[in-house]
N, C-alpha and C. Protein backbone atom coordinates (compact mmCIF):
# COMPACT_ATOMS: atom_id res chain seq x y z
N MET A 1 0.69 -1.18 -0.25
CA MET A 1 0.00 -0.24 -0.07
C MET A 1 1.07 1.17 0.08
N LEU A 2 0.47 2.25 -0.77
CA LEU A 2 1.30 3.47 -0.62
C LEU A 2 -0.10 4.54 -0.28
N ASP A 3 0.94 5.47 0.57
CA ASP A 3 -0.31 6.31 0.92
C ASP A 3 -0.01 7.77 0.24
N ASP A 4 -0.67 8.75 0.46
CA ASP A 4 -0.67 10.05 -0.28
C ASP A 4 0.68 11.00 0.15
N GLN A 5 1.57 10.54 1.21
CA GLN A 5 2.45 10.99 1.68
C GLN A 5 3.97 10.26 0.79
N GLY A 6 3.62 9.27 0.12
CA GLY A 6 4.77 8.40 -0.35
C GLY A 6 5.39 7.54 0.31
N ILE A 7 4.73 6.93 1.53
CA ILE A 7 5.14 6.04 2.27
C ILE A 7 4.44 4.61 1.88
N VAL A 8 5.38 3.49 1.57
CA VAL A 8 4.96 2.29 1.21
C VAL A 8 5.02 1.48 2.48
N SER A 9 3.93 0.49 2.60
CA SER A 9 4.13 -0.18 3.58
C SER A 9 3.17 -1.72 3.23
N THR A 10 3.79 -2.74 3.80
CA THR A 10 2.96 -4.10 3.47
C THR A 10 2.77 -4.32 5.06
N TRP A 11 1.58 -4.97 4.92
CA TRP A 11 0.89 -5.79 6.23
C TRP A 11 0.55 -7.14 5.93
N SER A 12 0.50 -8.00 7.33
CA SER A 12 0.25 -9.41 7.04
C SER A 12 -1.11 -9.22 7.81
N ILE A 13 -2.07 -10.51 7.38
CA ILE A 13 -3.36 -10.70 8.33
C ILE A 13 -2.94 -12.11 9.21
N ILE A 14 -3.14 -11.85 10.39
CA ILE A 14 -2.77 -13.11 10.90
C ILE A 14 -4.05 -13.45 11.99
N GLU A 15 -4.28 -14.82 12.18
CA GLU A 15 -5.54 -15.20 12.91
C GLU A 15 -5.03 -15.41 14.32
N LEU A 16 -5.87 -15.01 15.42
CA LEU A 16 -5.20 -15.15 16.75
C LEU A 16 -6.26 -16.45 17.28
N SER A 17 -5.46 -17.27 17.87
CA SER A 17 -6.23 -18.25 18.52
C SER A 17 -7.04 -18.40 19.83
N ASP A 18 -6.84 -17.14 20.53
CA ASP A 18 -7.65 -16.78 21.60
C ASP A 18 -8.39 -15.58 21.26
N HIS A 19 -9.58 -15.38 21.87
CA HIS A 19 -10.20 -14.12 21.76
C HIS A 19 -10.06 -13.25 22.99
N ALA A 20 -8.88 -12.86 23.58
CA ALA A 20 -8.87 -12.29 24.43
C ALA A 20 -8.22 -10.89 24.26
N ILE A 21 -9.21 -10.15 23.44
CA ILE A 21 -8.39 -8.78 22.88
C ILE A 21 -9.09 -7.61 23.75
N THR A 22 -8.34 -6.72 24.06
CA THR A 22 -8.52 -5.45 24.87
C THR A 22 -8.86 -4.46 24.04
N ASP A 23 -9.45 -3.47 24.75
CA ASP A 23 -9.94 -2.12 24.14
C ASP A 23 -8.84 -1.38 23.57
N TYR A 24 -7.63 -1.58 23.85
CA TYR A 24 -6.40 -0.85 23.16
C TYR A 24 -5.59 -1.81 22.15
N GLU A 25 -6.28 -2.67 21.73
CA GLU A 25 -5.54 -3.48 20.45
C GLU A 25 -6.08 -2.87 19.47
N LEU A 26 -4.63 -2.46 18.49
CA LEU A 26 -4.69 -1.83 17.71
C LEU A 26 -5.12 -2.78 16.39
N ASN A 27 -5.71 -2.25 15.32
CA ASN A 27 -6.15 -3.09 14.02
C ASN A 27 -6.56 -4.10 14.18
N MET A 28 -7.82 -4.06 15.18
CA MET A 28 -8.46 -5.42 15.27
C MET A 28 -9.71 -4.84 15.81
N ASN A 29 -10.63 -5.57 15.64
CA ASN A 29 -12.24 -5.23 16.00
C ASN A 29 -12.35 -5.99 17.52
N LEU A 30 -13.12 -5.25 18.32
CA LEU A 30 -13.34 -6.27 19.38
C LEU A 30 -14.23 -7.44 19.01
N GLY A 31 -13.77 -8.82 19.47
CA GLY A 31 -14.38 -10.03 19.32
C GLY A 31 -14.03 -10.63 17.82
N GLY A 32 -13.07 -9.88 17.22
CA GLY A 32 -12.47 -10.38 16.07
C GLY A 32 -11.56 -11.31 16.11
N ARG A 33 -11.26 -12.37 15.07
CA ARG A 33 -10.34 -13.34 15.18
C ARG A 33 -9.01 -12.90 14.30
N TYR A 34 -9.15 -11.90 13.49
CA TYR A 34 -8.20 -11.66 12.52
C TYR A 34 -7.36 -10.32 13.10
N LYS A 35 -6.04 -10.19 12.96
CA LYS A 35 -5.44 -8.81 13.33
C LYS A 35 -4.40 -8.35 12.00
N MET A 36 -4.38 -7.17 11.76
CA MET A 36 -3.40 -6.75 10.69
C MET A 36 -2.15 -6.19 11.42
N VAL A 37 -0.88 -6.56 10.68
CA VAL A 37 0.45 -6.56 11.65
C VAL A 37 1.18 -5.90 10.38
N LYS A 38 1.90 -4.71 10.84
CA LYS A 38 2.58 -4.03 9.78
C LYS A 38 4.10 -4.72 9.56
N ASN A 39 4.13 -5.19 8.41
CA ASN A 39 5.50 -6.10 8.12
C ASN A 39 6.91 -4.85 8.08
N TYR A 40 6.26 -3.98 6.95
CA TYR A 40 7.42 -2.97 6.48
C TYR A 40 6.85 -1.57 6.27
N SER A 41 7.67 -0.45 6.39
CA SER A 41 6.90 0.64 6.16
C SER A 41 8.37 1.48 5.76
N ASP A 42 8.44 2.28 4.67
CA ASP A 42 9.62 3.23 4.41
C ASP A 42 8.83 4.49 3.52
N ASN A 43 9.60 5.58 3.73
CA ASN A 43 9.22 6.68 2.91
C ASN A 43 9.81 6.74 1.43
N LEU A 44 9.30 6.49 0.49
CA LEU A 44 9.97 6.78 -0.72
C LEU A 44 10.29 7.72 -1.07
N THR A 45 9.89 9.19 -0.66
CA THR A 45 10.34 10.23 -1.01
C THR A 45 11.69 10.63 -0.51
N LEU A 46 12.31 9.71 0.45
CA LEU A 46 13.66 10.12 1.11
C LEU A 46 14.83 9.44 -0.11
N TYR A 47 14.13 8.94 -1.18
CA TYR A 47 15.22 8.42 -2.33
C TYR A 47 14.82 9.07 -3.42
N PRO A 48 15.80 10.00 -3.74
CA PRO A 48 15.32 11.02 -4.88
C PRO A 48 15.34 10.18 -6.09
N ASN A 49 16.10 9.15 -6.16
CA ASN A 49 16.31 8.09 -7.58
C ASN A 49 14.98 7.34 -7.87
N ILE A 50 14.04 7.30 -6.79
CA ILE A 50 12.91 6.52 -6.89
C ILE A 50 11.84 7.33 -7.29
N VAL A 51 11.48 8.53 -6.59
CA VAL A 51 10.26 9.11 -6.56
C VAL A 51 10.46 10.73 -6.50
N ASN A 52 9.90 11.53 -7.27
CA ASN A 52 9.88 13.05 -6.89
C ASN A 52 9.02 13.33 -6.14
N ALA A 53 9.39 14.07 -5.24
CA ALA A 53 8.47 14.33 -3.89
C ALA A 53 7.33 15.24 -4.65
N LEU A 54 7.43 15.85 -5.62
CA LEU A 54 6.50 16.78 -6.30
C LEU A 54 5.05 15.75 -7.07
N THR A 55 5.54 14.81 -7.26
CA THR A 55 4.81 13.80 -7.75
C THR A 55 4.09 12.71 -7.22
N VAL A 56 4.12 12.81 -6.01
CA VAL A 56 3.41 11.65 -5.01
C VAL A 56 2.27 11.19 -5.37
N GLU A 57 1.21 12.34 -5.34
CA GLU A 57 -0.16 12.11 -5.81
C GLU A 57 -0.14 11.18 -7.05
N GLU A 58 0.56 11.49 -8.14
CA GLU A 58 0.50 10.67 -9.27
C GLU A 58 1.04 9.24 -8.89
N LEU A 59 2.13 9.04 -8.09
CA LEU A 59 2.59 7.82 -7.83
C LEU A 59 1.54 7.01 -6.89
N ALA A 60 0.90 7.52 -6.07
CA ALA A 60 -0.24 6.81 -5.56
C ALA A 60 -1.13 6.11 -6.15
N ALA A 61 -1.61 6.74 -7.56
CA ALA A 61 -2.31 6.16 -8.21
C ALA A 61 -1.89 5.09 -9.23
N SER A 62 -0.57 4.91 -9.55
CA SER A 62 0.01 4.07 -10.36
C SER A 62 1.02 3.14 -9.64
N LEU A 63 1.30 2.96 -8.76
CA LEU A 63 2.42 1.91 -8.16
C LEU A 63 1.71 0.81 -8.11
N ASP A 64 2.74 -0.10 -8.91
CA ASP A 64 2.35 -1.57 -8.68
C ASP A 64 3.40 -2.09 -7.75
N VAL A 65 2.64 -3.04 -6.90
CA VAL A 65 3.65 -3.86 -5.89
C VAL A 65 3.49 -5.08 -6.18
N GLU A 66 4.59 -6.06 -6.08
CA GLU A 66 4.17 -7.56 -6.48
C GLU A 66 5.19 -8.31 -5.40
N PHE A 67 4.84 -9.21 -4.50
CA PHE A 67 5.80 -10.01 -3.84
C PHE A 67 6.22 -11.20 -4.24
N ASP A 68 7.34 -11.74 -4.14
CA ASP A 68 7.88 -13.17 -4.52
C ASP A 68 7.19 -14.21 -3.78
N PRO A 69 6.27 -15.19 -4.42
CA PRO A 69 5.86 -16.08 -3.96
C PRO A 69 6.33 -17.15 -3.03
N THR A 70 7.92 -17.41 -3.10
CA THR A 70 8.74 -18.16 -2.50
C THR A 70 9.09 -17.59 -1.29
N ASN A 71 9.29 -16.02 -1.37
CA ASN A 71 10.02 -15.37 -0.25
C ASN A 71 9.27 -13.78 0.11
N PRO A 72 8.12 -13.87 0.89
CA PRO A 72 7.62 -12.49 1.01
C PRO A 72 8.34 -11.33 1.57
N GLN A 73 9.62 -11.70 2.00
CA GLN A 73 10.63 -10.83 2.33
C GLN A 73 10.91 -9.86 1.05
N ILE A 74 10.57 -10.26 0.02
CA ILE A 74 11.30 -9.82 -1.29
C ILE A 74 10.20 -9.43 -2.06
N PHE A 75 10.23 -7.92 -2.33
CA PHE A 75 9.04 -7.51 -3.17
C PHE A 75 9.79 -6.53 -4.44
N TYR A 76 8.88 -6.23 -5.39
CA TYR A 76 8.91 -5.61 -6.36
C TYR A 76 8.02 -4.26 -6.90
N PHE A 77 8.52 -3.43 -6.95
CA PHE A 77 7.51 -1.88 -7.39
C PHE A 77 8.16 -1.23 -8.68
N SER A 78 7.29 -0.27 -9.10
CA SER A 78 7.52 0.14 -10.23
C SER A 78 7.37 1.73 -9.96
N THR A 79 7.88 2.67 -10.63
CA THR A 79 7.52 3.88 -10.54
C THR A 79 8.12 4.51 -12.04
N SER A 80 7.52 5.78 -12.15
CA SER A 80 7.91 6.38 -13.58
C SER A 80 9.65 6.59 -13.62
N GLU A 81 10.64 6.33 -12.56
CA GLU A 81 11.78 6.32 -12.42
C GLU A 81 12.40 4.86 -12.68
N GLY A 82 11.58 3.85 -12.77
CA GLY A 82 12.20 2.52 -13.17
C GLY A 82 11.56 1.40 -12.19
N LEU A 83 12.37 0.24 -12.24
CA LEU A 83 11.72 -0.88 -11.58
C LEU A 83 12.69 -1.12 -10.41
N PHE A 84 12.17 -1.37 -9.20
CA PHE A 84 12.67 -1.43 -7.90
C PHE A 84 12.72 -2.90 -7.13
N ARG A 85 13.55 -3.49 -6.42
CA ARG A 85 13.50 -4.67 -5.71
C ARG A 85 13.71 -4.16 -4.18
N ILE A 86 13.07 -4.77 -3.38
CA ILE A 86 13.25 -4.41 -1.78
C ILE A 86 13.36 -5.99 -1.12
N ASP A 87 14.39 -6.41 -0.59
CA ASP A 87 14.76 -7.59 0.19
C ASP A 87 15.05 -7.24 1.63
N LYS A 88 13.76 -7.49 2.27
CA LYS A 88 13.72 -6.85 3.61
C LYS A 88 14.73 -8.08 4.61
N SER A 89 15.13 -9.39 4.25
CA SER A 89 15.90 -10.10 4.83
C SER A 89 17.40 -9.78 5.00
N GLY A 90 17.47 -8.72 3.97
CA GLY A 90 19.23 -8.66 3.79
C GLY A 90 19.47 -7.72 5.01
N SER A 91 20.76 -7.35 4.66
CA SER A 91 21.52 -6.12 5.65
C SER A 91 21.09 -4.84 4.78
N VAL A 92 21.00 -4.72 3.54
CA VAL A 92 20.29 -3.42 2.86
C VAL A 92 18.68 -3.36 2.85
N ASP A 93 18.38 -2.54 3.37
CA ASP A 93 16.86 -2.64 3.34
C ASP A 93 16.31 -1.53 2.53
N GLU A 94 17.09 -0.67 1.82
CA GLU A 94 16.54 0.08 0.98
C GLU A 94 16.25 -0.26 -0.81
N PRO A 95 15.43 0.26 -1.15
CA PRO A 95 15.21 -0.07 -2.71
C PRO A 95 16.43 -0.22 -3.72
N VAL A 96 16.65 -1.39 -4.58
CA VAL A 96 17.55 -1.48 -5.45
C VAL A 96 17.02 -1.27 -6.78
N LYS A 97 17.43 -0.63 -7.63
CA LYS A 97 16.83 -0.33 -8.89
C LYS A 97 17.35 -1.23 -9.94
N ILE A 98 16.52 -1.92 -10.55
CA ILE A 98 17.02 -2.93 -11.41
C ILE A 98 17.13 -2.27 -12.88
N ASP A 99 18.12 -2.80 -13.32
CA ASP A 99 19.02 -2.45 -14.69
C ASP A 99 17.81 -2.81 -15.74
N THR A 100 17.12 -1.93 -16.42
CA THR A 100 16.39 -1.85 -17.48
C THR A 100 16.72 -0.85 -18.49
N VAL A 101 17.84 -1.08 -18.88
CA VAL A 101 18.53 0.15 -20.07
C VAL A 101 17.72 -0.45 -21.39
N GLY A 102 17.45 0.86 -21.88
CA GLY A 102 16.87 1.00 -23.18
C GLY A 102 15.27 0.81 -23.49
N LEU A 103 14.92 0.63 -22.10
CA LEU A 103 13.40 0.26 -21.79
C LEU A 103 13.01 1.41 -21.31
N ILE A 104 11.70 2.39 -21.58
CA ILE A 104 10.89 3.27 -20.79
C ILE A 104 10.61 2.89 -19.56
N SER A 105 9.66 3.76 -18.76
CA SER A 105 9.26 3.30 -17.60
C SER A 105 8.30 2.25 -17.61
N PRO A 106 8.44 1.38 -16.50
CA PRO A 106 7.31 0.26 -16.23
C PRO A 106 5.95 0.85 -16.42
N THR A 107 5.27 0.30 -16.63
CA THR A 107 3.60 0.43 -16.28
C THR A 107 2.76 -0.54 -15.72
N ALA A 108 3.08 -2.05 -15.85
CA ALA A 108 2.32 -3.02 -14.98
C ALA A 108 3.40 -4.22 -14.45
N LEU A 109 3.17 -4.72 -13.39
CA LEU A 109 3.94 -5.73 -12.86
C LEU A 109 2.95 -6.96 -12.71
N SER A 110 3.65 -8.27 -12.81
CA SER A 110 2.83 -9.56 -12.09
C SER A 110 3.90 -10.47 -11.97
N MET A 111 3.26 -11.09 -10.97
CA MET A 111 4.31 -12.32 -10.31
C MET A 111 3.71 -13.57 -10.50
N SER A 112 4.61 -14.63 -11.31
CA SER A 112 3.83 -16.01 -11.36
C SER A 112 3.86 -16.64 -10.21
N ASP A 113 3.31 -18.01 -10.34
CA ASP A 113 3.32 -18.77 -9.27
C ASP A 113 4.58 -19.34 -8.71
N GLN A 114 5.29 -19.39 -10.12
CA GLN A 114 6.60 -19.79 -9.98
C GLN A 114 7.87 -18.96 -9.84
N GLY A 115 7.47 -17.57 -9.46
CA GLY A 115 8.39 -16.61 -9.04
C GLY A 115 8.72 -15.78 -10.18
N TYR A 116 8.24 -15.93 -11.43
CA TYR A 116 8.86 -15.07 -12.46
C TYR A 116 7.89 -13.72 -12.43
N LEU A 117 8.82 -12.75 -12.69
CA LEU A 117 8.41 -11.16 -12.75
C LEU A 117 8.17 -10.76 -14.19
N LEU A 118 7.11 -10.56 -14.80
CA LEU A 118 6.38 -10.03 -15.71
C LEU A 118 6.31 -8.37 -15.63
N VAL A 119 7.24 -7.71 -16.39
CA VAL A 119 6.93 -6.36 -16.55
C VAL A 119 6.81 -5.86 -17.82
N SER A 120 5.79 -5.00 -17.84
CA SER A 120 5.30 -4.36 -19.25
C SER A 120 5.93 -2.79 -19.18
N PHE A 121 6.51 -2.48 -20.15
CA PHE A 121 7.00 -1.15 -20.32
C PHE A 121 6.18 -0.21 -21.26
N SER A 122 6.19 1.14 -20.98
CA SER A 122 5.40 2.16 -21.73
C SER A 122 5.89 1.92 -23.35
N CYS A 123 7.16 1.64 -23.38
CA CYS A 123 7.47 1.55 -24.90
C CYS A 123 6.80 0.14 -25.71
N GLY A 124 5.98 -0.51 -25.01
CA GLY A 124 5.55 -1.79 -25.58
C GLY A 124 6.28 -2.97 -25.34
N SER A 125 7.30 -3.05 -24.56
CA SER A 125 8.15 -4.05 -24.38
C SER A 125 7.76 -5.01 -23.15
N ILE A 126 7.86 -6.20 -23.02
CA ILE A 126 7.69 -6.90 -21.95
C ILE A 126 8.72 -7.59 -21.60
N TRP A 127 9.06 -7.73 -20.36
CA TRP A 127 10.44 -8.44 -19.59
C TRP A 127 10.27 -9.23 -18.85
């Protein structure tokens, strides 16, 4: 999820085994069995090579995020500046730009069940 301030966040939904929920439990309804837990959050406007702070509203409407089905710690996203990969399990937690020389900006992402990332570009190429 990307908010209108340029912060990308990933969440998981977990099922709780007991129903001992207090009034102070965040991200859960009273009597509910499921809870949202934030896994990752980062402000993309802090990285000038990823997003221009002046175009955050446009980015929020067009950002694609795809997770690696074999490792949920790895996910990909695209902006008008390029295609990026984040590996939260590694020592470097910031987005890494994937080399797509000769291709214009990515327009859509799709991850297959076998872990293949398909990317379409505004020039008509599919990678």
